[in-house]
C-alpha atoms as a PDB file:
ATOM      1  CA  MET A   1      22.856  -5.919  11.801  1.00  0.00           C
ATOM      2  CA  GLU A   2      23.961  -9.279  10.395  1.00  0.00           C
ATOM      3  CA  ASN A   3      22.150 -11.123  13.215  1.00  0.00           C
ATOM      4  CA  SER A   4      19.019  -8.981  13.139  1.00  0.00           C
ATOM      5  CA  PRO A   5      15.763 -10.981  12.879  1.00  0.00           C
ATOM      6  CA  LEU A   6      15.309  -9.766   9.306  1.00  0.00           C
ATOM      7  CA  ARG A   7      18.802 -10.914   8.228  1.00  0.00           C
ATOM      8  CA  VAL A   8      18.383 -14.300   9.959  1.00  0.00           C
ATOM      9  CA  PHE A   9      15.049 -14.760   8.176  1.00  0.00           C
ATOM     10  CA  GLN A  10      16.602 -13.814   4.814  1.00  0.00           C
ATOM     11  CA  ARG A  11      19.341 -16.432   5.298  1.00  0.00           C
ATOM     12  CA  LEU A  12      16.750 -19.100   6.212  1.00  0.00           C
ATOM     13  CA  GLU A  13      14.619 -18.178   3.202  1.00  0.00           C
ATOM     14  CA  ALA A  14      17.648 -18.501   0.900  1.00  0.00           C
ATOM     15  CA  VAL A  15      18.230 -22.062   2.158  1.00  0.00           C
ATOM     16  CA  ASP A  16      14.613 -23.317   1.928  1.00  0.00           C
ATOM     17  CA  SER A  17      12.084 -20.831   0.586  1.00  0.00           C
ATOM     18  CA  ALA A  18       9.196 -23.321   0.837  1.00  0.00           C
ATOM     19  CA  ALA A  19       9.663 -23.605   4.595  1.00  0.00           C
ATOM     20  CA  HIS A  20      10.824 -20.044   5.236  1.00  0.00           C
ATOM     21  CA  ASN A  21       8.988 -17.392   3.249  1.00  0.00           C
ATOM     22  CA  VAL A  22       7.551 -14.016   4.091  1.00  0.00           C
ATOM     23  CA  GLU A  23       3.943 -15.230   4.236  1.00  0.00           C
ATOM     24  CA  ARG A  24       4.861 -17.909   6.792  1.00  0.00           C
ATOM     25  CA  LEU A  25       6.878 -15.401   8.836  1.00  0.00           C
ATOM     26  CA  PHE A  26       4.021 -12.910   9.041  1.00  0.00           C
ATOM     27  CA  GLU A  27       1.479 -15.655   9.765  1.00  0.00           C
ATOM     28  CA  PHE A  28       3.700 -16.918  12.612  1.00  0.00           C
ATOM     29  CA  VAL A  29       3.850 -13.401  14.064  1.00  0.00           C
ATOM     30  CA  TRP A  30       0.047 -13.025  13.757  1.00  0.00           C
ATOM     31  CA  GLN A  31      -0.629 -16.385  15.427  1.00  0.00           C
ATOM     32  CA  THR A  32       1.946 -15.748  18.169  1.00  0.00           C
ATOM     33  CA  TYR A  33       1.304 -12.078  18.996  1.00  0.00           C
ATOM     34  CA  GLY A  34      -2.146 -11.376  17.561  1.00  0.00           C
ATOM     35  CA  ASP A  35      -3.334  -7.928  16.591  1.00  0.00           C
ATOM     36  CA  ASP A  36      -0.685  -5.900  18.414  1.00  0.00           C
ATOM     37  CA  GLY A  37      -0.894  -2.634  16.478  1.00  0.00           C
ATOM     38  CA  GLU A  38       2.493  -1.313  17.547  1.00  0.00           C
ATOM     39  CA  LEU A  39       4.240  -4.588  16.678  1.00  0.00           C
ATOM     40  CA  TRP A  40       2.515  -4.818  13.292  1.00  0.00           C
ATOM     41  CA  GLU A  41       3.312  -1.240  12.441  1.00  0.00           C
ATOM     42  CA  SER A  42       6.989  -1.791  13.292  1.00  0.00           C
ATOM     43  CA  LEU A  43       7.080  -5.047  11.352  1.00  0.00           C
ATOM     44  CA  ALA A  44       5.373  -3.468   8.347  1.00  0.00           C
ATOM     45  CA  TRP A  45       7.727  -0.488   8.522  1.00  0.00           C
ATOM     46  CA  ASP A  46      10.946  -2.511   8.803  1.00  0.00           C
ATOM     47  CA  GLY A  47       9.950  -5.652   6.936  1.00  0.00           C
ATOM     48  CA  VAL A  48       7.852  -4.296   4.093  1.00  0.00           C
ATOM     49  CA  LEU A  49       7.595  -0.551   3.586  1.00  0.00           C
ATOM     50  CA  THR A  50      11.196   0.660   3.770  1.00  0.00           C
ATOM     51  CA  ASN A  51      12.555  -2.265   1.742  1.00  0.00           C
ATOM     52  CA  LEU A  52       9.977  -1.928  -1.024  1.00  0.00           C
ATOM     53  CA  PHE A  53      10.234   1.850  -1.101  1.00  0.00           C
ATOM     54  CA  GLY A  54      14.030   1.536  -1.357  1.00  0.00           C
ATOM     55  CA  ALA A  55      13.713  -0.987  -4.186  1.00  0.00           C
ATOM     56  CA  CYS A  56      11.233   1.255  -5.995  1.00  0.00           C
ATOM     57  CA  ILE A  57      13.426   4.349  -5.920  1.00  0.00           C
ATOM     58  CA  THR A  58      16.423   2.228  -6.977  1.00  0.00           C
ATOM     59  CA  GLN A  59      14.600   0.594  -9.905  1.00  0.00           C
ATOM     60  CA  PHE A  60      12.880   3.787 -11.041  1.00  0.00           C
ATOM     61  CA  PRO A  61      15.371   6.663 -10.899  1.00  0.00           C
ATOM     62  CA  GLY A  62      13.547   9.939 -10.536  1.00  0.00           C
ATOM     63  CA  PHE A  63      10.671   8.179  -8.736  1.00  0.00           C
ATOM     64  CA  GLY A  64       8.424  11.006  -7.653  1.00  0.00           C
ATOM     65  CA  PRO A  65       6.112  13.435  -9.397  1.00  0.00           C
ATOM     66  CA  ALA A  66       4.393  11.893 -12.432  1.00  0.00           C
ATOM     67  CA  HIS A  67       5.350  14.780 -14.711  1.00  0.00           C
ATOM     68  CA  SER A  68       9.072  14.541 -13.956  1.00  0.00           C
ATOM     69  CA  MET A  69       9.721  10.812 -13.949  1.00  0.00           C
ATOM     70  CA  HIS A  70      10.322   8.398 -16.805  1.00  0.00           C
ATOM     71  CA  ALA A  71       7.169   7.574 -18.763  1.00  0.00           C
ATOM     72  CA  LEU A  72       5.490   4.460 -17.358  1.00  0.00           C
ATOM     73  CA  LEU A  73       4.378   3.131 -20.738  1.00  0.00           C
ATOM     74  CA  ALA A  74       2.736  -0.155 -19.687  1.00  0.00           C
ATOM     75  CA  GLY A  75       0.825   1.589 -16.905  1.00  0.00           C
ATOM     76  CA  GLN A  76      -0.230   4.385 -19.244  1.00  0.00           C
ATOM     77  CA  ALA A  77      -1.480   1.869 -21.828  1.00  0.00           C
ATOM     78  CA  THR A  78      -3.645   0.228 -19.170  1.00  0.00           C
ATOM     79  CA  ALA A  79      -4.805   3.599 -17.823  1.00  0.00           C
ATOM     80  CA  ARG A  80      -5.919   4.714 -21.292  1.00  0.00           C
ATOM     81  CA  CYS A  81      -8.294   1.716 -21.447  1.00  0.00           C
ATOM     82  CA  LEU A  82     -10.111   2.963 -18.347  1.00  0.00           C
ATOM     83  CA  VAL A  83     -13.086   5.288 -18.507  1.00  0.00           C
ATOM     84  CA  PRO A  84     -14.863   7.346 -15.857  1.00  0.00           C
ATOM     85  CA  GLY A  85     -16.853   5.067 -13.583  1.00  0.00           C
ATOM     86  CA  ASP A  86     -14.381   2.186 -13.815  1.00  0.00           C
ATOM     87  CA  ARG A  87     -13.052   0.706 -10.599  1.00  0.00           C
ATOM     88  CA  VAL A  88      -9.580  -0.734 -10.150  1.00  0.00           C
ATOM     89  CA  ILE A  89      -8.400  -3.032  -7.374  1.00  0.00           C
ATOM     90  CA  ASN A  90      -4.661  -2.537  -6.965  1.00  0.00           C
ATOM     91  CA  LEU A  91      -2.937  -4.906  -4.537  1.00  0.00           C
ATOM     92  CA  ASN A  92       0.496  -3.325  -4.978  1.00  0.00           C
ATOM     93  CA  TYR A  93       2.043  -1.173  -2.268  1.00  0.00           C
ATOM     94  CA  ASP A  94       3.896   0.990  -4.775  1.00  0.00           C
ATOM     95  CA  THR A  95       2.381   3.965  -6.579  1.00  0.00           C
ATOM     96  CA  LEU A  96       3.637   3.264 -10.093  1.00  0.00           C
ATOM     97  CA  PHE A  97       0.169   2.593 -11.525  1.00  0.00           C
ATOM     98  CA  ASP A  98      -1.154   5.641  -9.674  1.00  0.00           C
ATOM     99  CA  LEU A  99       1.540   7.746 -11.336  1.00  0.00           C
ATOM    100  CA  ALA A 100       0.799   6.144 -14.729  1.00  0.00           C
ATOM    101  CA  LEU A 101      -2.857   7.176 -14.322  1.00  0.00           C
ATOM    102  CA  GLN A 102      -1.667  10.761 -13.840  1.00  0.00           C
ATOM    103  CA  GLN A 103       0.720  10.512 -16.797  1.00  0.00           C
ATOM    104  CA  ALA A 104      -2.184   9.282 -18.963  1.00  0.00           C
ATOM    105  CA  GLY A 105      -4.321  12.228 -17.841  1.00  0.00           C
ATOM    106  CA  ARG A 106      -6.853  10.082 -15.976  1.00  0.00           C
ATOM    107  CA  PHE A 107      -8.712  11.481 -12.970  1.00  0.00           C
ATOM    108  CA  ALA A 108      -8.647   8.936 -10.162  1.00  0.00           C
ATOM    109  CA  ILE A 109      -9.790   8.990  -6.577  1.00  0.00           C
ATOM    110  CA  TYR A 110      -9.063   6.462  -3.858  1.00  0.00           C
ATOM    111  CA  ALA A 111     -11.716   4.490  -1.993  1.00  0.00           C
ATOM    112  CA  PRO A 112     -13.227   4.972   0.523  1.00  0.00           C
ATOM    113  CA  GLU A 113     -13.736   8.460  -0.953  1.00  0.00           C
ATOM    114  CA  ALA A 114     -17.093   8.737  -2.691  1.00  0.00           C
ATOM    115  CA  PRO A 115     -16.749   8.523  -6.472  1.00  0.00           C
ATOM    116  CA  ALA A 116     -16.608  11.943  -8.099  1.00  0.00           C
ATOM    117  CA  ARG A 117     -18.107  12.695 -11.487  1.00  0.00           C
ATOM    118  CA  GLY A 118     -15.692  11.632 -14.215  1.00  0.00           C
ATOM    119  CA  SER A 119     -13.438   9.666 -11.869  1.00  0.00           C
ATOM    120  CA  ILE A 120     -11.892   6.231 -11.851  1.00  0.00           C
ATOM    121  CA  VAL A 121     -12.006   4.710  -8.360  1.00  0.00           C
ATOM    122  CA  VAL A 122      -8.861   2.947  -7.130  1.00  0.00           C
ATOM    123  CA  TYR A 123      -9.076   0.453  -4.259  1.00  0.00           C
ATOM    124  CA  LYS A 124      -5.780  -0.309  -2.485  1.00  0.00           C
ATOM    125  CA  PRO A 125      -6.778  -2.544   0.453  1.00  0.00           C
ATOM    126  CA  HIS A 126      -3.241  -3.840   1.050  1.00  0.00           C
ATOM    127  CA  GLY A 127      -2.055  -0.294   1.720  1.00  0.00           C
ATOM    128  CA  SER A 128       0.191   1.944  -0.323  1.00  0.00           C
ATOM    129  CA  PHE A 129       3.262   4.146  -0.135  1.00  0.00           C
ATOM    130  CA  ASN A 130       0.887   7.123  -0.247  1.00  0.00           C
ATOM    131  CA  LEU A 131      -1.720   5.869   2.240  1.00  0.00           C
ATOM    132  CA  TYR A 132      -1.391   7.381   5.702  1.00  0.00           C
ATOM    133  CA  ALA A 133      -3.421   5.870   8.535  1.00  0.00           C
ATOM    134  CA  ASP A 134      -4.210   5.865  12.192  1.00  0.00           C
ATOM    135  CA  ARG A 135      -4.289   2.120  12.768  1.00  0.00           C
ATOM    136  CA  SER A 136      -6.259   2.385  16.004  1.00  0.00           C
ATOM    137  CA  THR A 137      -9.271   3.983  14.297  1.00  0.00           C
ATOM    138  CA  GLY A 138      -8.841   2.884  10.703  1.00  0.00           C
ATOM    139  CA  ASP A 139      -9.000   6.543   9.653  1.00  0.00           C
ATOM    140  CA  ALA A 140      -6.832   7.115   6.627  1.00  0.00           C
ATOM    141  CA  PHE A 141      -6.123   9.376   3.706  1.00  0.00           C
ATOM    142  CA  PHE A 142      -4.294   8.979   0.429  1.00  0.00           C
ATOM    143  CA  ALA A 143      -1.737  11.625  -0.449  1.00  0.00           C
ATOM    144  CA  ASP A 144      -1.325  12.629  -4.077  1.00  0.00           C
ATOM    145  CA  PRO A 145       1.147  10.011  -5.403  1.00  0.00           C
ATOM    146  CA  SER A 146       3.150  12.820  -7.016  1.00  0.00           C
ATOM    147  CA  GLN A 147       3.543  14.561  -3.662  1.00  0.00           C
ATOM    148  CA  MET A 148       3.957  11.697  -1.212  1.00  0.00           C
ATOM    149  CA  ARG A 149       6.642  11.918   1.386  1.00  0.00           C
ATOM    150  CA  GLY A 150       7.949   8.390   1.078  1.00  0.00           C
ATOM    151  CA  SER A 151       8.290   6.384   4.227  1.00  0.00           C
ATOM    152  CA  VAL A 152       7.936   9.143   6.833  1.00  0.00           C
ATOM    153  CA  ALA A 153       5.063   9.526   9.267  1.00  0.00           C
ATOM    154  CA  LEU A 154       3.167  12.817   9.324  1.00  0.00           C
ATOM    155  CA  GLN A 155       1.864  14.726  12.315  1.00  0.00           C
ATOM    156  CA  ASP A 156      -1.188  16.927  11.846  1.00  0.00           C
ATOM    157  CA  SER A 157      -2.043  20.148  13.677  1.00  0.00           C
ATOM    158  CA  THR A 158      -3.870  18.218  16.421  1.00  0.00           C
ATOM    159  CA  GLY A 159      -0.819  16.075  17.176  1.00  0.00           C
ATOM    160  CA  LYS A 160      -2.249  12.944  15.566  1.00  0.00           C
ATOM    161  CA  VAL A 161       0.396  10.851  13.799  1.00  0.00           C
ATOM    162  CA  TRP A 162      -0.413   9.383  10.397  1.00  0.00           C
ATOM    163  CA  SER A 163       1.846   6.551   9.268  1.00  0.00           C
ATOM    164  CA  PRO A 164       2.204   4.822   5.905  1.00  0.00           C
ATOM    165  CA  ALA A 165       3.201   1.624   7.744  1.00  0.00           C
ATOM    166  CA  ALA A 166      -0.018   1.611   9.796  1.00  0.00           C
ATOM    167  CA  ALA A 167      -2.093   0.820   6.702  1.00  0.00           C
ATOM    168  CA  ILE A 168       0.237  -1.752   5.150  1.00  0.00           C
ATOM    169  CA  ILE A 169      -1.158  -5.271   5.335  1.00  0.00           C
ATOM    170  CA  PRO A 170       1.900  -7.517   5.266  1.00  0.00           C
ATOM    171  CA  PRO A 171       1.683 -10.597   3.079  1.00  0.00           C
ATOM    172  CA  ARG A 172       0.615 -13.463   5.331  1.00  0.00           C
ATOM    173  CA  LEU A 173      -1.322 -16.686   5.070  1.00  0.00           C
ATOM    174  CA  GLY A 174      -4.889 -16.731   6.333  1.00  0.00           C
ATOM    175  CA  LYS A 175      -5.423 -12.969   6.469  1.00  0.00           C
ATOM    176  CA  THR A 176      -8.825 -11.352   6.129  1.00  0.00           C
ATOM    177  CA  TYR A 177      -9.515  -7.723   5.353  1.00  0.00           C
ATOM    178  CA  ALA A 178     -11.905  -7.553   8.308  1.00  0.00           C
ATOM    179  CA  GLN A 179      -8.841  -7.852  10.586  1.00  0.00           C
ATOM    180  CA  HIS A 180      -7.562  -4.520   9.280  1.00  0.00           C
ATOM    181  CA  PRO A 181      -9.853  -1.519   9.854  1.00  0.00           C
ATOM    182  CA  THR A 182      -8.381   0.607   7.059  1.00  0.00           C
ATOM    183  CA  ALA A 183      -8.698  -2.190   4.486  1.00  0.00           C
ATOM    184  CA  ALA A 184     -12.263  -2.881   5.570  1.00  0.00           C
ATOM    185  CA  LYS A 185     -13.181   0.798   5.069  1.00  0.00           C
ATOM    186  CA  ILE A 186     -11.515   0.865   1.644  1.00  0.00           C
ATOM    187  CA  LEU A 187     -13.488  -2.156   0.428  1.00  0.00           C
ATOM    188  CA  VAL A 188     -16.954  -1.068   1.644  1.00  0.00           C
ATOM    189  CA  GLY A 189     -17.813   0.531  -1.705  1.00  0.00           C
ATOM    190  CA  LEU A 190     -17.254  -2.705  -3.610  1.00  0.00           C
ATOM    191  CA  ALA A 191     -20.056  -4.463  -1.728  1.00  0.00           C
ATOM    192  CA  THR A 192     -22.669  -2.287  -3.421  1.00  0.00           C
ATOM    193  CA  PHE A 193     -20.945  -1.854  -6.775  1.00  0.00           C
ATOM    194  CA  ALA A 194     -22.972  -3.066  -9.738  1.00  0.00           C
ATOM    195  CA  ARG A 195     -21.751  -2.840 -13.310  1.00  0.00           C
ATOM    196  CA  VAL A 196     -24.232  -1.104 -15.608  1.00  0.00           C
END
């Protein structure tokens, strides 16, 4: 494990973070291998999702259902400033703000779902711990952040596998949302959004 690509990269980054950082690594992979869905899903799973999920559950003991975890006071304060009809772009993979919305009693839905009456719409184009996708089609769904299953893939009754890693857009230089079908679908609603 000490000589795994991830560990080698971490050692290089520790020596010279300007030359060796995660954005450069992911951009190198994109330029070298292109849009290889299986490779990207594996890289997102091993290089992003499991590490961040592990850090989240370590930093926030009891991470899970909104009603049973420690009060997320900063997130709740922000959530209380939101009113139905507001839209939030959240570029974090974690679900802490999502849970704070629930703790503050705010009704939120995730784009690309159509806004419901009385809802706050949350856009998470970079992906999320609770976003499960089929990368080949861009089809996706958000699980309730209080009931997400962490970093495991789900299989539905038809045999289709939904993965949280499939919708994660790793941090890389030069990315565009159009290169990621799930992100593109999530952002469609913003193109026609007009503040009244």
